[in-house]
Amino acid sequence: MYVAAFLVTFAVPLAAQQAPSFEVASVKRNQSGDTRVKQTLQPGGCYEAINILLRTLIMRAYRLLEFRLSGGPDWIDTERYDIIGLAPGAATSDDITPRLQSLLADRFKLMTHVEKREIPVLRLVLARKDGRLGPKLRQSTADCPLLAPPGTRPPAACLMKLTSASLVTGGSRMINLVNAFSQIMQKMVVDRTGLDGLFEAELRWTPDVPLAPGAPPGAPETAQADDSGGPSFTTAIREQLGLRLENRRDSVDVLVIDRIEHPGEN
């Protein structure tokens, strides 16, 4: 089975912030009619997003799943673009995120604001009244930084491995787990476990549908599993981790598009 390994970080704040920009950037309309999207960060800091929908680019820039982005004209869901940006020294996905925000503001005149909205969510809570965790979730002794310094890789234990049918980590915080769960469920998951610190977790389930291509807050792309077998995702969480997902409504931050324009010529 092929598994993608990555470091899950905290979500990028939605509030406006002073951000670095690409040294050089090219923005071109893609009218090939193809639906395939390619995103890469090449050695030397060259970022490419080929044939990407503009709404998807905004989600990537602000590390959002679709339900946390609102507004905008219809054309941001149909027009595709080729974005190439040079950022010398950029080595990780986190290095590109603020530069995409700057590009959207400069080239597309994107203006946004953040507001609280009540939406359906899944609350992650302890499944047992006595607070005992499941057999596949335990406190970790790994030494994992909150954020790895740019250009460095964290210890192997701090990486999370995620496919469409499994999740394995040797040292993740609950915020990292709920971010991954949000991507898997395609619904906002909020942490109400009260658990603090780092945790080892090993979770396996039978997927209902493949993982959505959009990355959750703080997480890069994931890999597709080569096999499956086991309980549903919600059952696996309860039996293996000792946690439970509850349907609720909750107030969350939503990024609202106030203004966006077609880009000018390069």
C-alpha atoms as a PDB file:
ATOM      1  CA  MET A   1       0.000   0.000   0.000  1.00  0.00           C
ATOM      2  CA  TYR A   2       1.317   3.434  -0.911  1.00  0.00           C
ATOM      3  CA  VAL A   3       0.909   6.025   1.799  1.00  0.00           C
ATOM      4  CA  ALA A   4       1.639   9.738   1.705  1.00  0.00           C
ATOM      5  CA  ALA A   5       3.504  11.131   4.703  1.00  0.00           C
ATOM      6  CA  PHE A   6       3.163  14.712   5.802  1.00  0.00           C
ATOM      7  CA  LEU A   7       3.334  17.044   8.765  1.00  0.00           C
ATOM      8  CA  VAL A   8      -0.034  18.426   9.768  1.00  0.00           C
ATOM      9  CA  THR A   9       0.165  21.973  11.105  1.00  0.00           C
ATOM     10  CA  PHE A  10      -2.336  24.354  12.568  1.00  0.00           C
ATOM     11  CA  ALA A  11      -4.804  26.038  10.244  1.00  0.00           C
ATOM     12  CA  VAL A  12      -3.784  29.369   8.787  1.00  0.00           C
ATOM     13  CA  PRO A  13      -5.800  32.148  10.502  1.00  0.00           C
ATOM     14  CA  LEU A  14      -8.564  33.559   8.335  1.00  0.00           C
ATOM     15  CA  ALA A  15      -7.905  37.123   9.391  1.00  0.00           C
ATOM     16  CA  ALA A  16      -6.127  39.430   6.971  1.00  0.00           C
ATOM     17  CA  GLN A  17      -2.384  39.535   7.490  1.00  0.00           C
ATOM     18  CA  GLN A  18       0.719  41.037   5.937  1.00  0.00           C
ATOM     19  CA  ALA A  19       2.026  38.276   3.721  1.00  0.00           C
ATOM     20  CA  PRO A  20       5.106  37.731   1.548  1.00  0.00           C
ATOM     21  CA  SER A  21       4.617  37.485  -2.205  1.00  0.00           C
ATOM     22  CA  PHE A  22       6.087  35.535  -5.104  1.00  0.00           C
ATOM     23  CA  GLU A  23       9.220  37.075  -6.588  1.00  0.00           C
ATOM     24  CA  VAL A  24       7.736  36.518 -10.060  1.00  0.00           C
ATOM     25  CA  ALA A  25       4.275  35.163 -10.870  1.00  0.00           C
ATOM     26  CA  SER A  26       2.409  34.226 -14.039  1.00  0.00           C
ATOM     27  CA  VAL A  27      -1.401  33.958 -14.215  1.00  0.00           C
ATOM     28  CA  LYS A  28      -2.988  32.623 -17.398  1.00  0.00           C
ATOM     29  CA  ARG A  29      -6.485  31.413 -18.249  1.00  0.00           C
ATOM     30  CA  ASN A  30      -6.614  27.697 -19.069  1.00  0.00           C
ATOM     31  CA  GLN A  31      -9.266  26.862 -21.667  1.00  0.00           C
ATOM     32  CA  SER A  32      -8.106  23.352 -22.551  1.00  0.00           C
ATOM     33  CA  GLY A  33     -11.377  21.790 -21.451  1.00  0.00           C
ATOM     34  CA  ASP A  34      -9.454  19.301 -19.325  1.00  0.00           C
ATOM     35  CA  THR A  35     -10.595  18.718 -15.734  1.00  0.00           C
ATOM     36  CA  ARG A  36      -7.327  17.374 -14.361  1.00  0.00           C
ATOM     37  CA  VAL A  37      -5.487  19.605 -11.887  1.00  0.00           C
ATOM     38  CA  LYS A  38      -1.774  19.550 -11.080  1.00  0.00           C
ATOM     39  CA  GLN A  39      -0.176  21.276  -8.097  1.00  0.00           C
ATOM     40  CA  THR A  40       3.551  20.977  -7.421  1.00  0.00           C
ATOM     41  CA  LEU A  41       6.310  22.717  -5.471  1.00  0.00           C
ATOM     42  CA  GLN A  42       9.575  22.124  -7.273  1.00  0.00           C
ATOM     43  CA  PRO A  43      13.097  22.419  -5.814  1.00  0.00           C
ATOM     44  CA  GLY A  44      14.176  26.039  -5.801  1.00  0.00           C
ATOM     45  CA  GLY A  45      10.756  27.303  -4.800  1.00  0.00           C
ATOM     46  CA  CYS A  46       8.817  27.139  -8.088  1.00  0.00           C
ATOM     47  CA  TYR A  47       5.111  26.586  -7.389  1.00  0.00           C
ATOM     48  CA  GLU A  48       2.784  25.454 -10.169  1.00  0.00           C
ATOM     49  CA  ALA A  49      -1.005  25.100 -10.123  1.00  0.00           C
ATOM     50  CA  ILE A  50      -2.128  23.969 -13.565  1.00  0.00           C
ATOM     51  CA  ASN A  51      -5.787  24.036 -14.662  1.00  0.00           C
ATOM     52  CA  ILE A  52      -7.037  24.977 -11.186  1.00  0.00           C
ATOM     53  CA  LEU A  53     -10.498  26.418 -10.525  1.00  0.00           C
ATOM     54  CA  LEU A  54     -10.325  29.832  -8.910  1.00  0.00           C
ATOM     55  CA  ARG A  55     -12.526  28.790  -5.983  1.00  0.00           C
ATOM     56  CA  THR A  56     -10.183  25.845  -5.404  1.00  0.00           C
ATOM     57  CA  LEU A  57      -7.188  28.197  -5.486  1.00  0.00           C
ATOM     58  CA  ILE A  58      -8.790  30.395  -2.824  1.00  0.00           C
ATOM     59  CA  MET A  59      -9.484  27.333  -0.688  1.00  0.00           C
ATOM     60  CA  ARG A  60      -5.846  26.302  -1.107  1.00  0.00           C
ATOM     61  CA  ALA A  61      -4.571  29.768  -0.225  1.00  0.00           C
ATOM     62  CA  TYR A  62      -6.567  29.933   3.011  1.00  0.00           C
ATOM     63  CA  ARG A  63      -6.449  26.231   3.878  1.00  0.00           C
ATOM     64  CA  LEU A  64     -10.230  25.854   3.796  1.00  0.00           C
ATOM     65  CA  LEU A  65     -12.680  23.120   3.012  1.00  0.00           C
ATOM     66  CA  GLU A  66     -15.552  24.200   0.784  1.00  0.00           C
ATOM     67  CA  PHE A  67     -18.114  24.758   3.544  1.00  0.00           C
ATOM     68  CA  ARG A  68     -15.897  27.480   5.075  1.00  0.00           C
ATOM     69  CA  LEU A  69     -15.805  29.631   1.930  1.00  0.00           C
ATOM     70  CA  SER A  70     -18.855  31.667   0.924  1.00  0.00           C
ATOM     71  CA  GLY A  71     -19.835  34.115  -1.800  1.00  0.00           C
ATOM     72  CA  GLY A  72     -18.228  35.113  -5.050  1.00  0.00           C
ATOM     73  CA  PRO A  73     -19.526  35.266  -8.639  1.00  0.00           C
ATOM     74  CA  ASP A  74     -20.445  32.117 -10.575  1.00  0.00           C
ATOM     75  CA  TRP A  75     -17.357  32.292 -12.792  1.00  0.00           C
ATOM     76  CA  ILE A  76     -14.972  31.378  -9.959  1.00  0.00           C
ATOM     77  CA  ASP A  77     -16.534  27.888 -10.108  1.00  0.00           C
ATOM     78  CA  THR A  78     -16.002  27.479 -13.848  1.00  0.00           C
ATOM     79  CA  GLU A  79     -12.890  29.403 -14.923  1.00  0.00           C
ATOM     80  CA  ARG A  80      -9.579  27.569 -14.678  1.00  0.00           C
ATOM     81  CA  TYR A  81      -6.100  29.086 -14.469  1.00  0.00           C
ATOM     82  CA  ASP A  82      -2.437  28.176 -14.740  1.00  0.00           C
ATOM     83  CA  ILE A  83      -0.508  29.762 -11.879  1.00  0.00           C
ATOM     84  CA  ILE A  84       3.297  29.715 -11.782  1.00  0.00           C
ATOM     85  CA  GLY A  85       5.081  31.508  -8.961  1.00  0.00           C
ATOM     86  CA  LEU A  86       8.748  31.737  -8.026  1.00  0.00           C
ATOM     87  CA  ALA A  87       9.549  31.857  -4.317  1.00  0.00           C
ATOM     88  CA  PRO A  88      13.280  31.215  -3.772  1.00  0.00           C
ATOM     89  CA  GLY A  89      13.830  29.376  -0.510  1.00  0.00           C
ATOM     90  CA  ALA A  90      10.272  28.068  -0.252  1.00  0.00           C
ATOM     91  CA  ALA A  91      10.489  24.401   0.686  1.00  0.00           C
ATOM     92  CA  THR A  92       7.115  23.491   2.190  1.00  0.00           C
ATOM     93  CA  SER A  93       3.417  23.960   1.554  1.00  0.00           C
ATOM     94  CA  ASP A  94       3.302  26.443   4.446  1.00  0.00           C
ATOM     95  CA  ASP A  95       5.811  28.673   2.610  1.00  0.00           C
ATOM     96  CA  ILE A  96       3.483  28.934  -0.405  1.00  0.00           C
ATOM     97  CA  THR A  97       0.230  29.624   1.466  1.00  0.00           C
ATOM     98  CA  PRO A  98       0.792  33.338   2.299  1.00  0.00           C
ATOM     99  CA  ARG A  99       2.202  33.994  -1.183  1.00  0.00           C
ATOM    100  CA  LEU A 100      -0.995  32.678  -2.768  1.00  0.00           C
ATOM    101  CA  GLN A 101      -2.982  35.049  -0.557  1.00  0.00           C
ATOM    102  CA  SER A 102      -0.874  37.959  -1.823  1.00  0.00           C
ATOM    103  CA  LEU A 103      -1.278  36.830  -5.441  1.00  0.00           C
ATOM    104  CA  LEU A 104      -5.067  36.647  -5.109  1.00  0.00           C
ATOM    105  CA  ALA A 105      -5.195  40.141  -3.603  1.00  0.00           C
ATOM    106  CA  ASP A 106      -2.849  41.626  -6.223  1.00  0.00           C
ATOM    107  CA  ARG A 107      -3.913  39.899  -9.439  1.00  0.00           C
ATOM    108  CA  PHE A 108      -7.573  39.084  -8.736  1.00  0.00           C
ATOM    109  CA  LYS A 109      -8.285  42.017  -6.381  1.00  0.00           C
ATOM    110  CA  LEU A 110      -9.681  39.578  -3.853  1.00  0.00           C
ATOM    111  CA  MET A 111     -11.236  41.190  -0.785  1.00  0.00           C
ATOM    112  CA  THR A 112     -12.750  39.126   2.008  1.00  0.00           C
ATOM    113  CA  HIS A 113     -14.006  39.266   5.540  1.00  0.00           C
ATOM    114  CA  VAL A 114     -14.561  36.652   8.236  1.00  0.00           C
ATOM    115  CA  GLU A 115     -17.867  36.132   9.975  1.00  0.00           C
ATOM    116  CA  LYS A 116     -19.343  33.619  12.376  1.00  0.00           C
ATOM    117  CA  ARG A 117     -22.021  31.367  10.923  1.00  0.00           C
ATOM    118  CA  GLU A 118     -23.968  28.532  12.454  1.00  0.00           C
ATOM    119  CA  ILE A 119     -23.562  25.422  10.314  1.00  0.00           C
ATOM    120  CA  PRO A 120     -24.020  21.657  10.743  1.00  0.00           C
ATOM    121  CA  VAL A 121     -20.880  20.182  12.295  1.00  0.00           C
ATOM    122  CA  LEU A 122     -19.636  16.968  13.808  1.00  0.00           C
ATOM    123  CA  ARG A 123     -18.473  17.195  17.396  1.00  0.00           C
ATOM    124  CA  LEU A 124     -15.706  14.801  18.393  1.00  0.00           C
ATOM    125  CA  VAL A 125     -16.289  13.597  21.959  1.00  0.00           C
ATOM    126  CA  LEU A 126     -15.182  10.756  24.217  1.00  0.00           C
ATOM    127  CA  ALA A 127     -17.213   7.612  23.560  1.00  0.00           C
ATOM    128  CA  ARG A 128     -16.934   6.172  27.102  1.00  0.00           C
ATOM    129  CA  LYS A 129     -18.321   7.754  30.259  1.00  0.00           C
ATOM    130  CA  ASP A 130     -15.217   6.728  32.194  1.00  0.00           C
ATOM    131  CA  GLY A 131     -13.015   8.615  29.697  1.00  0.00           C
ATOM    132  CA  ARG A 132     -10.967   5.584  28.679  1.00  0.00           C
ATOM    133  CA  LEU A 133      -9.464   5.756  25.198  1.00  0.00           C
ATOM    134  CA  GLY A 134      -9.608   3.041  22.574  1.00  0.00           C
ATOM    135  CA  PRO A 135      -6.822   0.489  21.977  1.00  0.00           C
ATOM    136  CA  LYS A 136      -5.417   2.447  19.007  1.00  0.00           C
ATOM    137  CA  LEU A 137      -5.145   5.865  20.697  1.00  0.00           C
ATOM    138  CA  ARG A 138      -2.585   6.643  23.381  1.00  0.00           C
ATOM    139  CA  GLN A 139      -0.433   9.487  24.692  1.00  0.00           C
ATOM    140  CA  SER A 140       2.790   9.982  22.718  1.00  0.00           C
ATOM    141  CA  THR A 141       6.249  10.759  24.053  1.00  0.00           C
ATOM    142  CA  ALA A 142       7.489  12.025  20.664  1.00  0.00           C
ATOM    143  CA  ASP A 143       9.240  15.394  20.609  1.00  0.00           C
ATOM    144  CA  CYS A 144       7.206  17.214  17.956  1.00  0.00           C
ATOM    145  CA  PRO A 145       7.480  20.993  17.399  1.00  0.00           C
ATOM    146  CA  LEU A 146       4.306  23.002  16.879  1.00  0.00           C
ATOM    147  CA  LEU A 147       5.768  24.149  13.556  1.00  0.00           C
ATOM    148  CA  ALA A 148       8.896  22.785  11.923  1.00  0.00           C
ATOM    149  CA  PRO A 149      11.436  25.463  10.888  1.00  0.00           C
ATOM    150  CA  PRO A 150      11.255  26.268   7.149  1.00  0.00           C
ATOM    151  CA  GLY A 151      13.209  23.821   5.030  1.00  0.00           C
ATOM    152  CA  THR A 152      13.460  21.158   7.751  1.00  0.00           C
ATOM    153  CA  ARG A 153      11.642  17.872   8.256  1.00  0.00           C
ATOM    154  CA  PRO A 154      10.253  16.908  11.649  1.00  0.00           C
ATOM    155  CA  PRO A 155      11.033  13.564  13.276  1.00  0.00           C
ATOM    156  CA  ALA A 156       9.346  10.606  11.579  1.00  0.00           C
ATOM    157  CA  ALA A 157       7.067  10.110  14.587  1.00  0.00           C
ATOM    158  CA  CYS A 158       5.573  13.556  14.014  1.00  0.00           C
ATOM    159  CA  LEU A 159       4.353  12.731  10.511  1.00  0.00           C
ATOM    160  CA  MET A 160       0.778  11.705   9.823  1.00  0.00           C
ATOM    161  CA  LYS A 161       0.149   9.075   7.136  1.00  0.00           C
ATOM    162  CA  LEU A 162      -3.302   9.299   5.598  1.00  0.00           C
ATOM    163  CA  THR A 163      -5.020   7.321   2.850  1.00  0.00           C
ATOM    164  CA  SER A 164      -8.681   6.887   1.963  1.00  0.00           C
ATOM    165  CA  ALA A 165      -8.825   3.888   4.339  1.00  0.00           C
ATOM    166  CA  SER A 166      -6.254   4.516   7.081  1.00  0.00           C
ATOM    167  CA  LEU A 167      -4.674   7.116   9.350  1.00  0.00           C
ATOM    168  CA  VAL A 168      -1.459   6.521  11.294  1.00  0.00           C
ATOM    169  CA  THR A 169       0.470   9.018  13.422  1.00  0.00           C
ATOM    170  CA  GLY A 170       3.106   8.766  16.121  1.00  0.00           C
ATOM    171  CA  GLY A 171       2.683  12.260  17.546  1.00  0.00           C
ATOM    172  CA  SER A 172      -0.265  14.498  16.622  1.00  0.00           C
ATOM    173  CA  ARG A 173      -2.425  16.937  18.540  1.00  0.00           C
ATOM    174  CA  MET A 174      -6.199  16.679  18.507  1.00  0.00           C
ATOM    175  CA  ILE A 175      -6.432  19.723  16.205  1.00  0.00           C
ATOM    176  CA  ASN A 176      -4.433  17.755  13.626  1.00  0.00           C
ATOM    177  CA  LEU A 177      -6.748  14.774  13.934  1.00  0.00           C
ATOM    178  CA  VAL A 178      -9.962  16.799  13.597  1.00  0.00           C
ATOM    179  CA  ASN A 179      -8.510  18.557  10.538  1.00  0.00           C
ATOM    180  CA  ALA A 180      -7.935  15.150   8.935  1.00  0.00           C
ATOM    181  CA  PHE A 181     -11.385  13.947  10.031  1.00  0.00           C
ATOM    182  CA  SER A 182     -12.954  17.047   8.423  1.00  0.00           C
ATOM    183  CA  GLN A 183     -11.361  16.137   5.099  1.00  0.00           C
ATOM    184  CA  ILE A 184     -12.472  12.516   5.329  1.00  0.00           C
ATOM    185  CA  MET A 185     -16.067  13.401   6.268  1.00  0.00           C
ATOM    186  CA  GLN A 186     -16.243  16.575   4.133  1.00  0.00           C
ATOM    187  CA  LYS A 187     -17.909  18.246   7.080  1.00  0.00           C
ATOM    188  CA  MET A 188     -16.613  20.482   9.851  1.00  0.00           C
ATOM    189  CA  VAL A 189     -15.333  18.448  12.811  1.00  0.00           C
ATOM    190  CA  VAL A 190     -14.769  20.303  16.088  1.00  0.00           C
ATOM    191  CA  ASP A 191     -12.835  18.956  19.055  1.00  0.00           C
ATOM    192  CA  ARG A 192     -14.865  18.551  22.233  1.00  0.00           C
ATOM    193  CA  THR A 193     -12.803  15.720  23.741  1.00  0.00           C
ATOM    194  CA  GLY A 194     -10.899  17.856  26.247  1.00  0.00           C
ATOM    195  CA  LEU A 195      -7.761  15.872  25.375  1.00  0.00           C
ATOM    196  CA  ASP A 196      -4.453  17.751  25.421  1.00  0.00           C
ATOM    197  CA  GLY A 197      -0.948  16.863  24.296  1.00  0.00           C
ATOM    198  CA  LEU A 198       0.401  14.526  21.626  1.00  0.00           C
ATOM    199  CA  PHE A 199      -1.192  11.220  20.676  1.00  0.00           C
ATOM    200  CA  GLU A 200      -0.294   8.072  18.779  1.00  0.00           C
ATOM    201  CA  ALA A 201      -3.165   6.812  16.658  1.00  0.00           C
ATOM    202  CA  GLU A 202      -3.786   3.975  14.212  1.00  0.00           C
ATOM    203  CA  LEU A 203      -7.154   4.001  12.464  1.00  0.00           C
ATOM    204  CA  ARG A 204      -8.408   1.746   9.654  1.00  0.00           C
ATOM    205  CA  TRP A 205     -11.819   1.705   7.990  1.00  0.00           C
ATOM    206  CA  THR A 206     -13.714   0.931   4.795  1.00  0.00           C
ATOM    207  CA  PRO A 207     -14.213   4.193   2.865  1.00  0.00           C
ATOM    208  CA  ASP A 208     -17.664   5.086   1.531  1.00  0.00           C
ATOM    209  CA  VAL A 209     -16.140   7.402  -1.083  1.00  0.00           C
ATOM    210  CA  PRO A 210     -12.558   8.425  -2.003  1.00  0.00           C
ATOM    211  CA  LEU A 211     -10.972  11.322  -0.146  1.00  0.00           C
ATOM    212  CA  ALA A 212     -11.929  14.679  -1.602  1.00  0.00           C
ATOM    213  CA  PRO A 213      -9.025  16.395  -3.422  1.00  0.00           C
ATOM    214  CA  GLY A 214      -9.215  19.583  -1.383  1.00  0.00           C
ATOM    215  CA  ALA A 215      -6.762  19.687   1.527  1.00  0.00           C
ATOM    216  CA  PRO A 216      -8.002  20.473   4.982  1.00  0.00           C
ATOM    217  CA  PRO A 217      -6.656  23.310   7.037  1.00  0.00           C
ATOM    218  CA  GLY A 218      -3.014  22.616   7.595  1.00  0.00           C
ATOM    219  CA  ALA A 219      -2.763  19.427   5.531  1.00  0.00           C
ATOM    220  CA  PRO A 220      -1.280  18.816   2.084  1.00  0.00           C
ATOM    221  CA  GLU A 221      -2.517  16.232  -0.403  1.00  0.00           C
ATOM    222  CA  THR A 222      -3.195  12.645   0.649  1.00  0.00           C
ATOM    223  CA  ALA A 223      -2.822   9.356  -1.179  1.00  0.00           C
ATOM    224  CA  GLN A 224      -5.439   6.891  -2.301  1.00  0.00           C
ATOM    225  CA  ALA A 225      -5.365   3.556  -0.514  1.00  0.00           C
ATOM    226  CA  ASP A 226      -4.691   0.443  -2.571  1.00  0.00           C
ATOM    227  CA  ASP A 227      -7.045  -1.709  -0.515  1.00  0.00           C
ATOM    228  CA  SER A 228      -9.757  -1.512   2.106  1.00  0.00           C
ATOM    229  CA  GLY A 229     -11.539  -3.685   4.595  1.00  0.00           C
ATOM    230  CA  GLY A 230     -13.020  -3.067   7.996  1.00  0.00           C
ATOM    231  CA  PRO A 231     -15.716  -0.995   9.679  1.00  0.00           C
ATOM    232  CA  SER A 232     -17.156   2.322   8.579  1.00  0.00           C
ATOM    233  CA  PHE A 233     -15.198   5.437   9.503  1.00  0.00           C
ATOM    234  CA  THR A 234     -17.501   6.437  12.377  1.00  0.00           C
ATOM    235  CA  THR A 235     -17.517   2.897  13.768  1.00  0.00           C
ATOM    236  CA  ALA A 236     -13.723   2.710  13.507  1.00  0.00           C
ATOM    237  CA  ILE A 237     -13.332   5.944  15.478  1.00  0.00           C
ATOM    238  CA  ARG A 238     -15.523   4.572  18.264  1.00  0.00           C
ATOM    239  CA  GLU A 239     -14.045   1.059  18.415  1.00  0.00           C
ATOM    240  CA  GLN A 240     -10.393   1.838  17.741  1.00  0.00           C
ATOM    241  CA  LEU A 241      -9.922   5.321  19.242  1.00  0.00           C
ATOM    242  CA  GLY A 242     -12.646   5.436  21.884  1.00  0.00           C
ATOM    243  CA  LEU A 243     -14.103   8.609  20.368  1.00  0.00           C
ATOM    244  CA  ARG A 244     -17.502   9.443  18.886  1.00  0.00           C
ATOM    245  CA  LEU A 245     -18.864  11.892  16.290  1.00  0.00           C
ATOM    246  CA  GLU A 246     -22.103  13.705  17.113  1.00  0.00           C
ATOM    247  CA  ASN A 247     -24.241  15.726  14.696  1.00  0.00           C
ATOM    248  CA  ARG A 248     -24.705  19.248  16.020  1.00  0.00           C
ATOM    249  CA  ARG A 249     -24.887  22.857  14.867  1.00  0.00           C
ATOM    250  CA  ASP A 250     -22.056  25.157  15.862  1.00  0.00           C
ATOM    251  CA  SER A 251     -20.776  28.662  15.168  1.00  0.00           C
ATOM    252  CA  VAL A 252     -17.609  28.639  13.030  1.00  0.00           C
ATOM    253  CA  ASP A 253     -15.476  31.162  11.140  1.00  0.00           C
ATOM    254  CA  VAL A 254     -16.417  31.441   7.460  1.00  0.00           C
ATOM    255  CA  LEU A 255     -14.394  33.372   4.870  1.00  0.00           C
ATOM    256  CA  VAL A 256     -16.769  35.519   2.796  1.00  0.00           C
ATOM    257  CA  ILE A 257     -15.742  36.863  -0.618  1.00  0.00           C
ATOM    258  CA  ASP A 258     -16.621  40.571  -0.866  1.00  0.00           C
ATOM    259  CA  ARG A 259     -14.955  41.315  -4.189  1.00  0.00           C
ATOM    260  CA  ILE A 260     -12.997  39.504  -6.892  1.00  0.00           C
ATOM    261  CA  GLU A 261     -12.097  40.466 -10.465  1.00  0.00           C
ATOM    262  CA  HIS A 262     -10.750  38.773 -13.567  1.00  0.00           C
ATOM    263  CA  PRO A 263      -6.949  39.054 -13.563  1.00  0.00           C
ATOM    264  CA  GLY A 264      -5.105  41.551 -15.735  1.00  0.00           C
ATOM    265  CA  GLU A 265      -2.700  40.451 -18.432  1.00  0.00           C
ATOM    266  CA  ASN A 266       0.755  39.277 -17.347  1.00  0.00           C
END
